Amino acid sequence: MHVSHARSIIRQLLPGIALPGLIYFLASRHVSVLIALAAASSVPLLDALYRAITRRSQSPIGLIFVVMAGGSVGLAFWLRSPMFILAKGAVVTALIGLTFGVSAFLRRPLTRTLAVSLSTECPRRRASLRKTWAHPTAISVFCTLSAGWGLLMLLSAAQQAVLALTVSPALVMTLEPPAQLVATVAGIVASVAYVRRRQRRSPELRMLPIPVFAE
C-alpha cells in the first residue's frame, strides 16, 4: 500500500483505539470508575469538536458514535452501572460487522466506500476511483472483503462482550485496545494479501500499486 494510505489509516484508527484507555487511566486516578469510563467514551465527541473547530465536514459514522456514546453514558449514570459503557464497544463492533455483511449481500460493499475515502481527499481523484472500482470484478472483490471484515467484527464483538462480562473495568480498558489493534492489523494484512492475489490474475483491478507485484 502507498505510505500515504498507511498514514491515513493509522491517523484515523489510532486515536479511537489508544485514546479511550489512556483517558481512562489518567482520569481513574482522580475520579470514580464510572466518571473515568464516561471520560474515556468522549473520544467521538472530541473528534466531532475537532472537525468543527478545523471546519472539516462531520463524519456521519462519527456522529452515530457520538449518539451511541452519549446514550450509553446516560444509561450508566441513570442506573449506576458501568456495564452499559463497557458493553458499548461490543454493541458498536457488532453493528459495524452486520453493516459490512449487509453491504456485501446487497453488493454495495462498504469496503469500497472506505477504500475511496482513505485513498485521497481530492474529490476528482475519488470520483475517478469510484469509476475504476465500479467494474464487476472489483465489486466482487470488495464484496468478499466486506463479508470478511463483517465476520471479523462479529468475532471481535463476541470477544469484547466476554471481557465486559468477566473482568474488571480496568482490565477491560487494558486488554481491549491491543486486542482491537491486533484484529485490525490482521484484517488489513489478510485483505492486502487477498487483493494482491486477485490483482495478479486481473491487473485491471488497480486496487493496489502495480510495483508491489513486480517480479
N, C-alpha and C. Protein backbone atom coordinates (compact mmCIF):
# COMPACT_ATOMS: atom_id res chain seq x y z
N MET A 1 0.84 -1.19 0.00
CA MET A 1 0.00 0.00 0.00
C MET A 1 0.87 1.24 0.00
N HIS A 2 0.35 2.36 -0.55
CA HIS A 2 1.09 3.60 -0.51
C HIS A 2 1.34 4.00 0.93
N VAL A 3 2.48 4.68 1.17
CA VAL A 3 2.77 5.19 2.50
C VAL A 3 1.68 6.15 2.96
N SER A 4 1.19 6.97 2.03
CA SER A 4 0.13 7.92 2.38
C SER A 4 -1.13 7.21 2.83
N HIS A 5 -1.44 6.06 2.18
CA HIS A 5 -2.61 5.28 2.58
C HIS A 5 -2.42 4.75 4.00
N ALA A 6 -1.24 4.21 4.29
CA ALA A 6 -0.97 3.66 5.62
C ALA A 6 -1.06 4.76 6.68
N ARG A 7 -0.51 5.93 6.36
CA ARG A 7 -0.58 7.04 7.31
C ARG A 7 -2.02 7.45 7.56
N SER A 8 -2.82 7.46 6.50
CA SER A 8 -4.23 7.84 6.64
C SER A 8 -4.98 6.86 7.52
N ILE A 9 -4.72 5.57 7.31
CA ILE A 9 -5.38 4.55 8.12
C ILE A 9 -4.99 4.68 9.59
N ILE A 10 -3.67 4.85 9.83
CA ILE A 10 -3.18 4.98 11.21
C ILE A 10 -3.76 6.22 11.87
N ARG A 11 -3.77 7.34 11.11
CA ARG A 11 -4.27 8.60 11.67
C ARG A 11 -5.73 8.50 12.07
N GLN A 12 -6.52 7.72 11.31
CA GLN A 12 -7.94 7.63 11.60
C GLN A 12 -8.28 6.57 12.64
N LEU A 13 -7.48 5.51 12.71
CA LEU A 13 -7.80 4.41 13.62
C LEU A 13 -7.14 4.54 14.99
N LEU A 14 -5.91 5.04 15.02
CA LEU A 14 -5.15 5.04 16.26
C LEU A 14 -5.81 5.81 17.40
N PRO A 15 -6.33 7.03 17.15
CA PRO A 15 -6.96 7.75 18.27
C PRO A 15 -8.11 6.97 18.90
N GLY A 16 -8.95 6.37 18.07
CA GLY A 16 -10.08 5.62 18.61
C GLY A 16 -9.67 4.37 19.36
N ILE A 17 -8.49 3.83 19.05
CA ILE A 17 -8.01 2.63 19.74
C ILE A 17 -7.24 2.98 21.01
N ALA A 18 -6.38 3.98 20.94
CA ALA A 18 -5.47 4.27 22.04
C ALA A 18 -6.02 5.28 23.06
N LEU A 19 -6.75 6.29 22.58
CA LEU A 19 -7.16 7.36 23.48
C LEU A 19 -8.11 6.94 24.61
N PRO A 20 -9.13 6.09 24.35
CA PRO A 20 -10.03 5.73 25.45
C PRO A 20 -9.30 5.14 26.66
N GLY A 21 -8.38 4.20 26.41
CA GLY A 21 -7.64 3.61 27.53
C GLY A 21 -6.77 4.62 28.24
N LEU A 22 -6.10 5.47 27.48
CA LEU A 22 -5.24 6.49 28.07
C LEU A 22 -6.05 7.46 28.93
N ILE A 23 -7.18 7.93 28.40
CA ILE A 23 -8.04 8.85 29.16
C ILE A 23 -8.55 8.17 30.43
N TYR A 24 -8.94 6.90 30.32
CA TYR A 24 -9.46 6.20 31.48
C TYR A 24 -8.42 6.13 32.60
N PHE A 25 -7.21 5.71 32.26
CA PHE A 25 -6.20 5.53 33.31
C PHE A 25 -5.75 6.86 33.91
N LEU A 26 -5.75 7.92 33.14
CA LEU A 26 -5.42 9.23 33.70
C LEU A 26 -6.54 9.73 34.60
N ALA A 27 -7.79 9.52 34.17
CA ALA A 27 -8.93 10.02 34.94
C ALA A 27 -9.19 9.18 36.19
N SER A 28 -8.96 7.87 36.10
CA SER A 28 -9.29 6.97 37.22
C SER A 28 -8.46 7.24 38.47
N ARG A 29 -7.36 7.99 38.32
CA ARG A 29 -6.55 8.33 39.49
C ARG A 29 -7.22 9.39 40.36
N HIS A 30 -8.19 10.09 39.78
CA HIS A 30 -8.76 11.24 40.48
C HIS A 30 -10.28 11.16 40.65
N VAL A 31 -10.95 10.32 39.85
CA VAL A 31 -12.41 10.26 39.92
C VAL A 31 -12.85 8.80 40.01
N SER A 32 -14.17 8.60 40.14
CA SER A 32 -14.71 7.25 40.25
C SER A 32 -14.59 6.51 38.92
N VAL A 33 -14.77 5.19 38.98
CA VAL A 33 -14.68 4.36 37.78
C VAL A 33 -15.71 4.79 36.75
N LEU A 34 -16.92 5.11 37.20
CA LEU A 34 -17.99 5.48 36.28
C LEU A 34 -17.65 6.76 35.53
N ILE A 35 -17.15 7.74 36.24
CA ILE A 35 -16.79 9.01 35.60
C ILE A 35 -15.59 8.81 34.67
N ALA A 36 -14.63 7.99 35.08
CA ALA A 36 -13.46 7.72 34.23
C ALA A 36 -13.88 7.04 32.93
N LEU A 37 -14.82 6.10 33.02
CA LEU A 37 -15.32 5.43 31.82
C LEU A 37 -16.08 6.41 30.92
N ALA A 38 -16.84 7.32 31.55
CA ALA A 38 -17.56 8.32 30.77
C ALA A 38 -16.57 9.23 30.03
N ALA A 39 -15.49 9.60 30.72
CA ALA A 39 -14.46 10.44 30.08
C ALA A 39 -13.82 9.69 28.91
N ALA A 40 -13.56 8.39 29.09
CA ALA A 40 -12.96 7.60 28.02
C ALA A 40 -13.89 7.47 26.82
N SER A 41 -15.19 7.59 27.07
CA SER A 41 -16.18 7.49 25.99
C SER A 41 -16.34 8.79 25.21
N SER A 42 -15.61 9.82 25.62
CA SER A 42 -15.77 11.13 24.99
C SER A 42 -14.97 11.29 23.71
N VAL A 43 -14.20 10.28 23.30
CA VAL A 43 -13.34 10.39 22.11
C VAL A 43 -14.14 10.75 20.85
N PRO A 44 -15.29 10.12 20.57
CA PRO A 44 -16.06 10.53 19.39
C PRO A 44 -16.49 11.99 19.45
N LEU A 45 -16.85 12.47 20.65
CA LEU A 45 -17.24 13.87 20.81
C LEU A 45 -16.05 14.79 20.56
N LEU A 46 -14.88 14.40 21.06
CA LEU A 46 -13.67 15.20 20.82
C LEU A 46 -13.35 15.28 19.34
N ASP A 47 -13.55 14.18 18.63
CA ASP A 47 -13.31 14.17 17.18
C ASP A 47 -14.28 15.11 16.47
N ALA A 48 -15.56 15.08 16.89
CA ALA A 48 -16.55 15.96 16.28
C ALA A 48 -16.22 17.43 16.55
N LEU A 49 -15.77 17.73 17.77
CA LEU A 49 -15.40 19.10 18.10
C LEU A 49 -14.18 19.55 17.29
N TYR A 50 -13.21 18.64 17.14
CA TYR A 50 -12.02 18.97 16.35
C TYR A 50 -12.40 19.27 14.90
N ARG A 51 -13.31 18.47 14.34
CA ARG A 51 -13.75 18.73 12.98
C ARG A 51 -14.46 20.06 12.86
N ALA A 52 -15.27 20.39 13.89
CA ALA A 52 -15.99 21.66 13.87
C ALA A 52 -15.03 22.84 13.95
N ILE A 53 -14.03 22.73 14.83
CA ILE A 53 -13.06 23.82 15.01
C ILE A 53 -12.23 24.02 13.75
N THR A 54 -11.83 22.92 13.12
CA THR A 54 -11.00 23.00 11.91
C THR A 54 -11.83 23.14 10.63
N ARG A 55 -13.17 23.25 10.80
CA ARG A 55 -14.09 23.45 9.68
C ARG A 55 -14.04 22.30 8.68
N ARG A 56 -13.87 21.11 9.20
CA ARG A 56 -13.95 19.92 8.36
C ARG A 56 -15.36 19.36 8.42
N SER A 57 -15.75 18.66 7.37
CA SER A 57 -17.09 18.07 7.36
C SER A 57 -17.18 16.97 8.40
N GLN A 58 -18.34 16.89 9.02
CA GLN A 58 -18.56 15.88 10.05
C GLN A 58 -18.75 14.51 9.40
N SER A 59 -18.20 13.49 10.05
CA SER A 59 -18.38 12.12 9.57
C SER A 59 -19.72 11.59 10.07
N PRO A 60 -20.60 11.12 9.17
CA PRO A 60 -21.88 10.55 9.62
C PRO A 60 -21.68 9.41 10.61
N ILE A 61 -20.68 8.55 10.34
CA ILE A 61 -20.40 7.44 11.25
C ILE A 61 -19.94 7.98 12.60
N GLY A 62 -19.09 9.02 12.57
CA GLY A 62 -18.62 9.62 13.82
C GLY A 62 -19.76 10.19 14.64
N LEU A 63 -20.73 10.81 13.98
CA LEU A 63 -21.88 11.38 14.70
C LEU A 63 -22.74 10.27 15.32
N ILE A 64 -22.84 9.14 14.62
CA ILE A 64 -23.56 8.00 15.19
C ILE A 64 -22.85 7.52 16.46
N PHE A 65 -21.51 7.47 16.41
CA PHE A 65 -20.74 7.08 17.59
C PHE A 65 -20.97 8.04 18.74
N VAL A 66 -21.08 9.34 18.44
CA VAL A 66 -21.34 10.34 19.49
C VAL A 66 -22.68 10.05 20.16
N VAL A 67 -23.70 9.78 19.36
CA VAL A 67 -25.04 9.50 19.90
C VAL A 67 -25.02 8.23 20.75
N MET A 68 -24.36 7.17 20.24
CA MET A 68 -24.32 5.92 20.99
C MET A 68 -23.53 6.07 22.28
N ALA A 69 -22.43 6.81 22.22
CA ALA A 69 -21.64 7.04 23.43
C ALA A 69 -22.45 7.82 24.45
N GLY A 70 -23.15 8.85 23.98
CA GLY A 70 -23.98 9.63 24.89
C GLY A 70 -25.08 8.80 25.51
N GLY A 71 -25.70 7.93 24.71
CA GLY A 71 -26.75 7.07 25.25
C GLY A 71 -26.24 6.09 26.28
N SER A 72 -25.08 5.48 26.02
CA SER A 72 -24.53 4.50 26.96
C SER A 72 -24.10 5.18 28.27
N VAL A 73 -23.51 6.38 28.16
CA VAL A 73 -23.10 7.12 29.36
C VAL A 73 -24.33 7.53 30.16
N GLY A 74 -25.37 7.99 29.46
CA GLY A 74 -26.60 8.38 30.16
C GLY A 74 -27.22 7.22 30.92
N LEU A 75 -27.30 6.06 30.28
CA LEU A 75 -27.85 4.88 30.95
C LEU A 75 -26.98 4.45 32.13
N ALA A 76 -25.67 4.54 31.94
CA ALA A 76 -24.75 4.13 33.01
C ALA A 76 -24.94 4.99 34.25
N PHE A 77 -25.09 6.30 34.09
CA PHE A 77 -25.28 7.18 35.24
C PHE A 77 -26.69 7.04 35.82
N TRP A 78 -27.65 6.81 34.95
CA TRP A 78 -29.02 6.69 35.43
C TRP A 78 -29.19 5.43 36.28
N LEU A 79 -28.63 4.33 35.83
CA LEU A 79 -28.78 3.05 36.52
C LEU A 79 -27.56 2.71 37.39
N ARG A 80 -26.59 3.64 37.43
CA ARG A 80 -25.40 3.45 38.27
C ARG A 80 -24.68 2.14 37.97
N SER A 81 -24.52 1.85 36.69
CA SER A 81 -23.84 0.62 36.29
C SER A 81 -22.87 0.91 35.15
N PRO A 82 -21.58 0.62 35.33
CA PRO A 82 -20.60 0.84 34.24
C PRO A 82 -20.76 -0.14 33.10
N MET A 83 -21.59 -1.18 33.29
CA MET A 83 -21.73 -2.20 32.26
C MET A 83 -22.23 -1.63 30.94
N PHE A 84 -23.07 -0.59 31.00
CA PHE A 84 -23.61 -0.01 29.77
C PHE A 84 -22.48 0.62 28.93
N ILE A 85 -21.48 1.19 29.61
CA ILE A 85 -20.35 1.77 28.88
C ILE A 85 -19.41 0.68 28.40
N LEU A 86 -19.16 -0.31 29.26
CA LEU A 86 -18.24 -1.38 28.89
C LEU A 86 -18.78 -2.22 27.73
N ALA A 87 -20.10 -2.41 27.72
CA ALA A 87 -20.71 -3.22 26.66
C ALA A 87 -20.89 -2.46 25.37
N LYS A 88 -20.76 -1.13 25.42
CA LYS A 88 -20.98 -0.31 24.22
C LYS A 88 -20.04 -0.73 23.09
N GLY A 89 -18.78 -1.02 23.43
CA GLY A 89 -17.81 -1.40 22.40
C GLY A 89 -18.25 -2.65 21.66
N ALA A 90 -18.77 -3.64 22.40
CA ALA A 90 -19.22 -4.88 21.77
C ALA A 90 -20.42 -4.62 20.87
N VAL A 91 -21.34 -3.77 21.34
CA VAL A 91 -22.54 -3.47 20.55
C VAL A 91 -22.16 -2.73 19.26
N VAL A 92 -21.30 -1.72 19.40
CA VAL A 92 -20.87 -0.94 18.22
C VAL A 92 -20.15 -1.83 17.22
N THR A 93 -19.24 -2.67 17.72
CA THR A 93 -18.48 -3.55 16.83
C THR A 93 -19.40 -4.53 16.12
N ALA A 94 -20.40 -5.06 16.84
CA ALA A 94 -21.35 -5.99 16.23
C ALA A 94 -22.17 -5.28 15.15
N LEU A 95 -22.60 -4.05 15.41
CA LEU A 95 -23.36 -3.30 14.42
C LEU A 95 -22.53 -3.02 13.17
N ILE A 96 -21.25 -2.70 13.39
CA ILE A 96 -20.36 -2.48 12.25
C ILE A 96 -20.21 -3.76 11.44
N GLY A 97 -20.02 -4.89 12.14
CA GLY A 97 -19.90 -6.17 11.46
C GLY A 97 -21.14 -6.50 10.64
N LEU A 98 -22.31 -6.26 11.22
CA LEU A 98 -23.55 -6.51 10.48
C LEU A 98 -23.68 -5.60 9.27
N THR A 99 -23.24 -4.34 9.44
CA THR A 99 -23.29 -3.40 8.32
C THR A 99 -22.40 -3.85 7.18
N PHE A 100 -21.19 -4.31 7.50
CA PHE A 100 -20.30 -4.85 6.47
C PHE A 100 -20.96 -6.03 5.76
N GLY A 101 -21.53 -6.95 6.54
CA GLY A 101 -22.15 -8.13 5.97
C GLY A 101 -23.33 -7.79 5.07
N VAL A 102 -24.19 -6.89 5.52
CA VAL A 102 -25.35 -6.49 4.72
C VAL A 102 -24.91 -5.79 3.43
N SER A 103 -23.87 -4.95 3.54
CA SER A 103 -23.39 -4.25 2.34
C SER A 103 -22.86 -5.24 1.31
N ALA A 104 -22.22 -6.31 1.78
CA ALA A 104 -21.74 -7.34 0.86
C ALA A 104 -22.91 -8.07 0.21
N PHE A 105 -23.92 -8.39 1.01
CA PHE A 105 -25.10 -9.10 0.50
C PHE A 105 -25.83 -8.27 -0.56
N LEU A 106 -25.90 -6.96 -0.33
CA LEU A 106 -26.59 -6.06 -1.27
C LEU A 106 -25.70 -5.64 -2.45
N ARG A 107 -24.45 -6.10 -2.43
CA ARG A 107 -23.47 -5.75 -3.45
C ARG A 107 -23.25 -4.24 -3.52
N ARG A 108 -23.29 -3.62 -2.36
CA ARG A 108 -22.91 -2.22 -2.20
C ARG A 108 -21.84 -2.18 -1.12
N PRO A 109 -20.68 -2.81 -1.38
CA PRO A 109 -19.70 -3.08 -0.32
C PRO A 109 -19.18 -1.82 0.37
N LEU A 110 -19.26 -1.85 1.69
CA LEU A 110 -18.77 -0.73 2.48
C LEU A 110 -17.26 -0.58 2.34
N THR A 111 -16.56 -1.68 2.08
CA THR A 111 -15.10 -1.59 1.92
C THR A 111 -14.73 -0.71 0.73
N ARG A 112 -15.53 -0.70 -0.30
CA ARG A 112 -15.26 0.17 -1.45
C ARG A 112 -15.38 1.63 -1.04
N THR A 113 -16.41 1.96 -0.29
CA THR A 113 -16.59 3.33 0.18
C THR A 113 -15.43 3.76 1.06
N LEU A 114 -14.99 2.88 1.97
CA LEU A 114 -13.88 3.21 2.85
C LEU A 114 -12.58 3.33 2.08
N ALA A 115 -12.36 2.44 1.09
CA ALA A 115 -11.14 2.50 0.30
C ALA A 115 -11.03 3.81 -0.46
N VAL A 116 -12.14 4.27 -1.02
CA VAL A 116 -12.14 5.56 -1.73
C VAL A 116 -11.85 6.70 -0.77
N SER A 117 -12.49 6.64 0.41
CA SER A 117 -12.32 7.71 1.39
C SER A 117 -10.90 7.79 1.91
N LEU A 118 -10.27 6.63 2.14
CA LEU A 118 -8.92 6.61 2.70
C LEU A 118 -7.84 6.86 1.65
N SER A 119 -8.17 6.68 0.38
CA SER A 119 -7.16 6.79 -0.66
C SER A 119 -6.75 8.23 -0.93
N THR A 120 -7.69 9.15 -0.90
CA THR A 120 -7.37 10.54 -1.23
C THR A 120 -8.47 11.46 -0.70
N GLU A 121 -8.13 12.73 -0.52
CA GLU A 121 -9.12 13.73 -0.13
C GLU A 121 -9.54 14.58 -1.31
N CYS A 122 -8.97 14.33 -2.48
CA CYS A 122 -9.28 15.09 -3.69
C CYS A 122 -10.60 14.58 -4.29
N PRO A 123 -11.61 15.44 -4.44
CA PRO A 123 -12.90 14.99 -4.99
C PRO A 123 -12.78 14.36 -6.37
N ARG A 124 -11.93 14.94 -7.23
CA ARG A 124 -11.77 14.40 -8.58
C ARG A 124 -11.14 13.01 -8.55
N ARG A 125 -10.15 12.85 -7.69
CA ARG A 125 -9.49 11.55 -7.58
C ARG A 125 -10.46 10.51 -7.02
N ARG A 126 -11.29 10.91 -6.05
CA ARG A 126 -12.28 9.99 -5.51
C ARG A 126 -13.28 9.57 -6.58
N ALA A 127 -13.72 10.53 -7.40
CA ALA A 127 -14.66 10.20 -8.47
C ALA A 127 -14.03 9.23 -9.46
N SER A 128 -12.73 9.43 -9.75
CA SER A 128 -12.03 8.53 -10.66
C SER A 128 -11.94 7.12 -10.08
N LEU A 129 -11.66 7.04 -8.77
CA LEU A 129 -11.56 5.72 -8.14
C LEU A 129 -12.91 5.01 -8.13
N ARG A 130 -13.97 5.75 -7.86
CA ARG A 130 -15.31 5.15 -7.87
C ARG A 130 -15.62 4.56 -9.24
N LYS A 131 -15.24 5.28 -10.29
CA LYS A 131 -15.48 4.79 -11.65
C LYS A 131 -14.64 3.55 -11.94
N THR A 132 -13.36 3.60 -11.53
CA THR A 132 -12.47 2.47 -11.77
C THR A 132 -12.95 1.22 -11.02
N TRP A 133 -13.38 1.43 -9.79
CA TRP A 133 -13.77 0.30 -8.94
C TRP A 133 -15.25 -0.06 -9.05
N ALA A 134 -15.91 0.47 -10.08
CA ALA A 134 -17.29 0.07 -10.34
C ALA A 134 -17.36 -1.16 -11.24
N HIS A 135 -16.20 -1.63 -11.71
CA HIS A 135 -16.13 -2.82 -12.55
C HIS A 135 -16.66 -4.03 -11.76
N PRO A 136 -17.43 -4.91 -12.40
CA PRO A 136 -17.99 -6.07 -11.69
C PRO A 136 -16.96 -6.90 -10.94
N THR A 137 -15.76 -7.06 -11.52
CA THR A 137 -14.73 -7.83 -10.83
C THR A 137 -14.29 -7.13 -9.55
N ALA A 138 -14.13 -5.81 -9.62
CA ALA A 138 -13.74 -5.05 -8.44
C ALA A 138 -14.84 -5.10 -7.37
N ILE A 139 -16.09 -5.00 -7.80
CA ILE A 139 -17.21 -5.08 -6.86
C ILE A 139 -17.21 -6.43 -6.16
N SER A 140 -16.94 -7.49 -6.92
CA SER A 140 -16.88 -8.83 -6.34
C SER A 140 -15.79 -8.92 -5.27
N VAL A 141 -14.62 -8.33 -5.57
CA VAL A 141 -13.53 -8.34 -4.59
C VAL A 141 -13.92 -7.57 -3.34
N PHE A 142 -14.50 -6.39 -3.54
CA PHE A 142 -14.90 -5.58 -2.39
C PHE A 142 -16.00 -6.26 -1.57
N CYS A 143 -16.89 -6.98 -2.23
CA CYS A 143 -17.93 -7.72 -1.50
C CYS A 143 -17.32 -8.81 -0.63
N THR A 144 -16.33 -9.52 -1.18
CA THR A 144 -15.64 -10.54 -0.39
C THR A 144 -14.94 -9.91 0.81
N LEU A 145 -14.30 -8.77 0.58
CA LEU A 145 -13.64 -8.06 1.69
C LEU A 145 -14.65 -7.63 2.74
N SER A 146 -15.81 -7.13 2.31
CA SER A 146 -16.83 -6.70 3.26
C SER A 146 -17.34 -7.87 4.08
N ALA A 147 -17.55 -9.01 3.43
CA ALA A 147 -18.01 -10.19 4.15
C ALA A 147 -16.96 -10.64 5.17
N GLY A 148 -15.68 -10.61 4.76
CA GLY A 148 -14.61 -11.00 5.68
C GLY A 148 -14.50 -10.06 6.87
N TRP A 149 -14.57 -8.75 6.59
CA TRP A 149 -14.50 -7.78 7.69
C TRP A 149 -15.73 -7.89 8.59
N GLY A 150 -16.88 -8.20 8.00
CA GLY A 150 -18.07 -8.39 8.82
C GLY A 150 -17.91 -9.53 9.81
N LEU A 151 -17.38 -10.66 9.31
CA LEU A 151 -17.14 -11.80 10.20
C LEU A 151 -16.12 -11.46 11.28
N LEU A 152 -15.04 -10.77 10.89
CA LEU A 152 -14.02 -10.39 11.86
C LEU A 152 -14.59 -9.47 12.93
N MET A 153 -15.43 -8.52 12.53
CA MET A 153 -16.04 -7.60 13.51
C MET A 153 -16.97 -8.34 14.47
N LEU A 154 -17.72 -9.30 13.96
CA LEU A 154 -18.62 -10.07 14.83
C LEU A 154 -17.84 -10.90 15.84
N LEU A 155 -16.72 -11.49 15.39
CA LEU A 155 -15.87 -12.24 16.32
C LEU A 155 -15.25 -11.30 17.36
N SER A 156 -14.85 -10.11 16.93
CA SER A 156 -14.30 -9.13 17.86
C SER A 156 -15.35 -8.68 18.87
N ALA A 157 -16.59 -8.53 18.40
CA ALA A 157 -17.68 -8.14 19.29
C ALA A 157 -17.91 -9.20 20.37
N ALA A 158 -17.84 -10.47 19.97
CA ALA A 158 -18.00 -11.55 20.95
C ALA A 158 -16.89 -11.50 21.99
N GLN A 159 -15.66 -11.26 21.54
CA GLN A 159 -14.53 -11.15 22.46
C GLN A 159 -14.69 -9.97 23.41
N GLN A 160 -15.16 -8.83 22.90
CA GLN A 160 -15.38 -7.66 23.74
C GLN A 160 -16.48 -7.91 24.77
N ALA A 161 -17.52 -8.61 24.36
CA ALA A 161 -18.61 -8.92 25.28
C ALA A 161 -18.13 -9.82 26.42
N VAL A 162 -17.30 -10.81 26.08
CA VAL A 162 -16.76 -11.70 27.11
C VAL A 162 -15.93 -10.91 28.11
N LEU A 163 -15.09 -10.00 27.63
CA LEU A 163 -14.28 -9.18 28.53
C LEU A 163 -15.16 -8.32 29.43
N ALA A 164 -16.16 -7.68 28.83
CA ALA A 164 -17.02 -6.78 29.61
C ALA A 164 -17.76 -7.52 30.72
N LEU A 165 -18.10 -8.79 30.47
CA LEU A 165 -18.89 -9.55 31.43
C LEU A 165 -18.06 -10.30 32.46
N THR A 166 -16.76 -10.46 32.21
CA THR A 166 -15.99 -11.36 33.07
C THR A 166 -14.85 -10.70 33.85
N VAL A 167 -14.38 -9.53 33.43
CA VAL A 167 -13.23 -8.93 34.11
C VAL A 167 -13.56 -7.51 34.56
N SER A 168 -12.66 -6.93 35.34
CA SER A 168 -12.87 -5.59 35.89
C SER A 168 -12.77 -4.52 34.80
N PRO A 169 -13.37 -3.33 35.03
CA PRO A 169 -13.26 -2.24 34.04
C PRO A 169 -11.82 -1.89 33.70
N ALA A 170 -10.94 -1.88 34.71
CA ALA A 170 -9.54 -1.54 34.45
C ALA A 170 -8.90 -2.56 33.51
N LEU A 171 -9.21 -3.84 33.71
CA LEU A 171 -8.65 -4.88 32.85
C LEU A 171 -9.23 -4.80 31.44
N VAL A 172 -10.52 -4.45 31.35
CA VAL A 172 -11.14 -4.26 30.03
C VAL A 172 -10.41 -3.17 29.27
N MET A 173 -10.17 -2.03 29.93
CA MET A 173 -9.51 -0.91 29.27
C MET A 173 -8.05 -1.21 28.95
N THR A 174 -7.46 -2.18 29.67
CA THR A 174 -6.08 -2.59 29.40
C THR A 174 -6.00 -3.55 28.22
N LEU A 175 -6.92 -4.51 28.16
CA LEU A 175 -6.83 -5.56 27.16
C LEU A 175 -7.51 -5.22 25.84
N GLU A 176 -8.57 -4.41 25.89
CA GLU A 176 -9.35 -4.17 24.68
C GLU A 176 -8.57 -3.42 23.58
N PRO A 177 -7.82 -2.35 23.90
CA PRO A 177 -7.10 -1.65 22.82
C PRO A 177 -6.11 -2.53 22.06
N PRO A 178 -5.23 -3.30 22.75
CA PRO A 178 -4.32 -4.16 21.97
C PRO A 178 -5.06 -5.25 21.20
N ALA A 179 -6.18 -5.74 21.76
CA ALA A 179 -6.95 -6.76 21.05
C ALA A 179 -7.55 -6.18 19.77
N GLN A 180 -8.06 -4.95 19.86
CA GLN A 180 -8.60 -4.29 18.68
C GLN A 180 -7.51 -4.03 17.64
N LEU A 181 -6.35 -3.61 18.13
CA LEU A 181 -5.24 -3.32 17.22
C LEU A 181 -4.79 -4.58 16.49
N VAL A 182 -4.66 -5.69 17.23
CA VAL A 182 -4.25 -6.96 16.60
C VAL A 182 -5.28 -7.39 15.56
N ALA A 183 -6.57 -7.29 15.90
CA ALA A 183 -7.62 -7.69 14.96
C ALA A 183 -7.60 -6.81 13.72
N THR A 184 -7.40 -5.50 13.90
CA THR A 184 -7.38 -4.58 12.78
C THR A 184 -6.19 -4.85 11.86
N VAL A 185 -5.02 -5.02 12.46
CA VAL A 185 -3.81 -5.29 11.66
C VAL A 185 -3.96 -6.62 10.91
N ALA A 186 -4.49 -7.63 11.60
CA ALA A 186 -4.69 -8.94 10.95
C ALA A 186 -5.65 -8.81 9.78
N GLY A 187 -6.71 -8.02 9.97
CA GLY A 187 -7.67 -7.82 8.89
C GLY A 187 -7.06 -7.10 7.71
N ILE A 188 -6.23 -6.09 7.97
CA ILE A 188 -5.58 -5.34 6.89
C ILE A 188 -4.61 -6.23 6.13
N VAL A 189 -3.80 -7.01 6.87
CA VAL A 189 -2.83 -7.89 6.22
C VAL A 189 -3.54 -8.93 5.35
N ALA A 190 -4.60 -9.53 5.89
CA ALA A 190 -5.35 -10.53 5.13
C ALA A 190 -6.00 -9.91 3.90
N SER A 191 -6.53 -8.69 4.06
CA SER A 191 -7.18 -8.00 2.94
C SER A 191 -6.19 -7.70 1.83
N VAL A 192 -5.01 -7.19 2.20
CA VAL A 192 -3.99 -6.86 1.20
C VAL A 192 -3.53 -8.13 0.49
N ALA A 193 -3.34 -9.22 1.24
CA ALA A 193 -2.91 -10.48 0.63
C ALA A 193 -3.95 -10.99 -0.37
N TYR A 194 -5.22 -10.87 0.01
CA TYR A 194 -6.30 -11.33 -0.88
C TYR A 194 -6.36 -10.48 -2.15
N VAL A 195 -6.32 -9.15 -1.97
CA VAL A 195 -6.38 -8.25 -3.13
C VAL A 195 -5.16 -8.46 -4.02
N ARG A 196 -4.01 -8.66 -3.42
CA ARG A 196 -2.78 -8.90 -4.19
C ARG A 196 -2.94 -10.14 -5.08
N ARG A 197 -3.50 -11.19 -4.50
CA ARG A 197 -3.67 -12.43 -5.27
C ARG A 197 -4.66 -12.23 -6.41
N ARG A 198 -5.76 -11.52 -6.14
CA ARG A 198 -6.76 -11.28 -7.18
C ARG A 198 -6.22 -10.37 -8.28
N GLN A 199 -5.43 -9.37 -7.88
CA GLN A 199 -4.92 -8.42 -8.87
C GLN A 199 -3.86 -9.06 -9.76
N ARG A 200 -3.16 -10.04 -9.26
CA ARG A 200 -2.20 -10.75 -10.10
C ARG A 200 -2.91 -11.43 -11.27
N ARG A 201 -4.12 -11.92 -11.00
CA ARG A 201 -4.90 -12.55 -12.06
C ARG A 201 -5.65 -11.54 -12.92
N SER A 202 -5.98 -10.40 -12.32
CA SER A 202 -6.75 -9.36 -13.03
C SER A 202 -6.12 -8.00 -12.77
N PRO A 203 -5.02 -7.65 -13.46
CA PRO A 203 -4.31 -6.39 -13.22
C PRO A 203 -5.18 -5.15 -13.42
N GLU A 204 -6.29 -5.29 -14.17
CA GLU A 204 -7.14 -4.13 -14.42
C GLU A 204 -7.85 -3.64 -13.16
N LEU A 205 -7.82 -4.43 -12.10
CA LEU A 205 -8.46 -4.03 -10.85
C LEU A 205 -7.87 -2.72 -10.32
N ARG A 206 -6.56 -2.61 -10.38
CA ARG A 206 -5.85 -1.40 -9.94
C ARG A 206 -6.25 -1.02 -8.51
N MET A 207 -6.30 -1.99 -7.63
CA MET A 207 -6.66 -1.74 -6.24
C MET A 207 -5.44 -1.57 -5.35
N LEU A 208 -4.29 -2.04 -5.84
CA LEU A 208 -3.02 -1.84 -5.15
C LEU A 208 -2.00 -1.38 -6.18
N PRO A 209 -0.97 -0.65 -5.76
CA PRO A 209 0.04 -0.18 -6.71
C PRO A 209 0.68 -1.33 -7.46
N ILE A 210 0.79 -1.20 -8.76
CA ILE A 210 1.36 -2.25 -9.62
C ILE A 210 2.77 -2.63 -9.21
N PRO A 211 3.67 -1.69 -8.80
CA PRO A 211 5.05 -2.07 -8.43
C PRO A 211 5.13 -3.10 -7.32
N VAL A 212 4.08 -3.19 -6.51
CA VAL A 212 4.08 -4.18 -5.43
C VAL A 212 4.20 -5.58 -5.99
N PHE A 213 3.71 -5.80 -7.20
CA PHE A 213 3.64 -7.14 -7.74
C PHE A 213 4.74 -7.42 -8.75
N ALA A 214 5.65 -6.48 -8.87
CA ALA A 214 6.76 -6.70 -9.83
C ALA A 214 7.61 -7.87 -9.39
N GLU A 215 8.02 -8.63 -10.34
CA GLU A 215 8.85 -9.80 -10.03
C GLU A 215 10.25 -9.35 -9.64
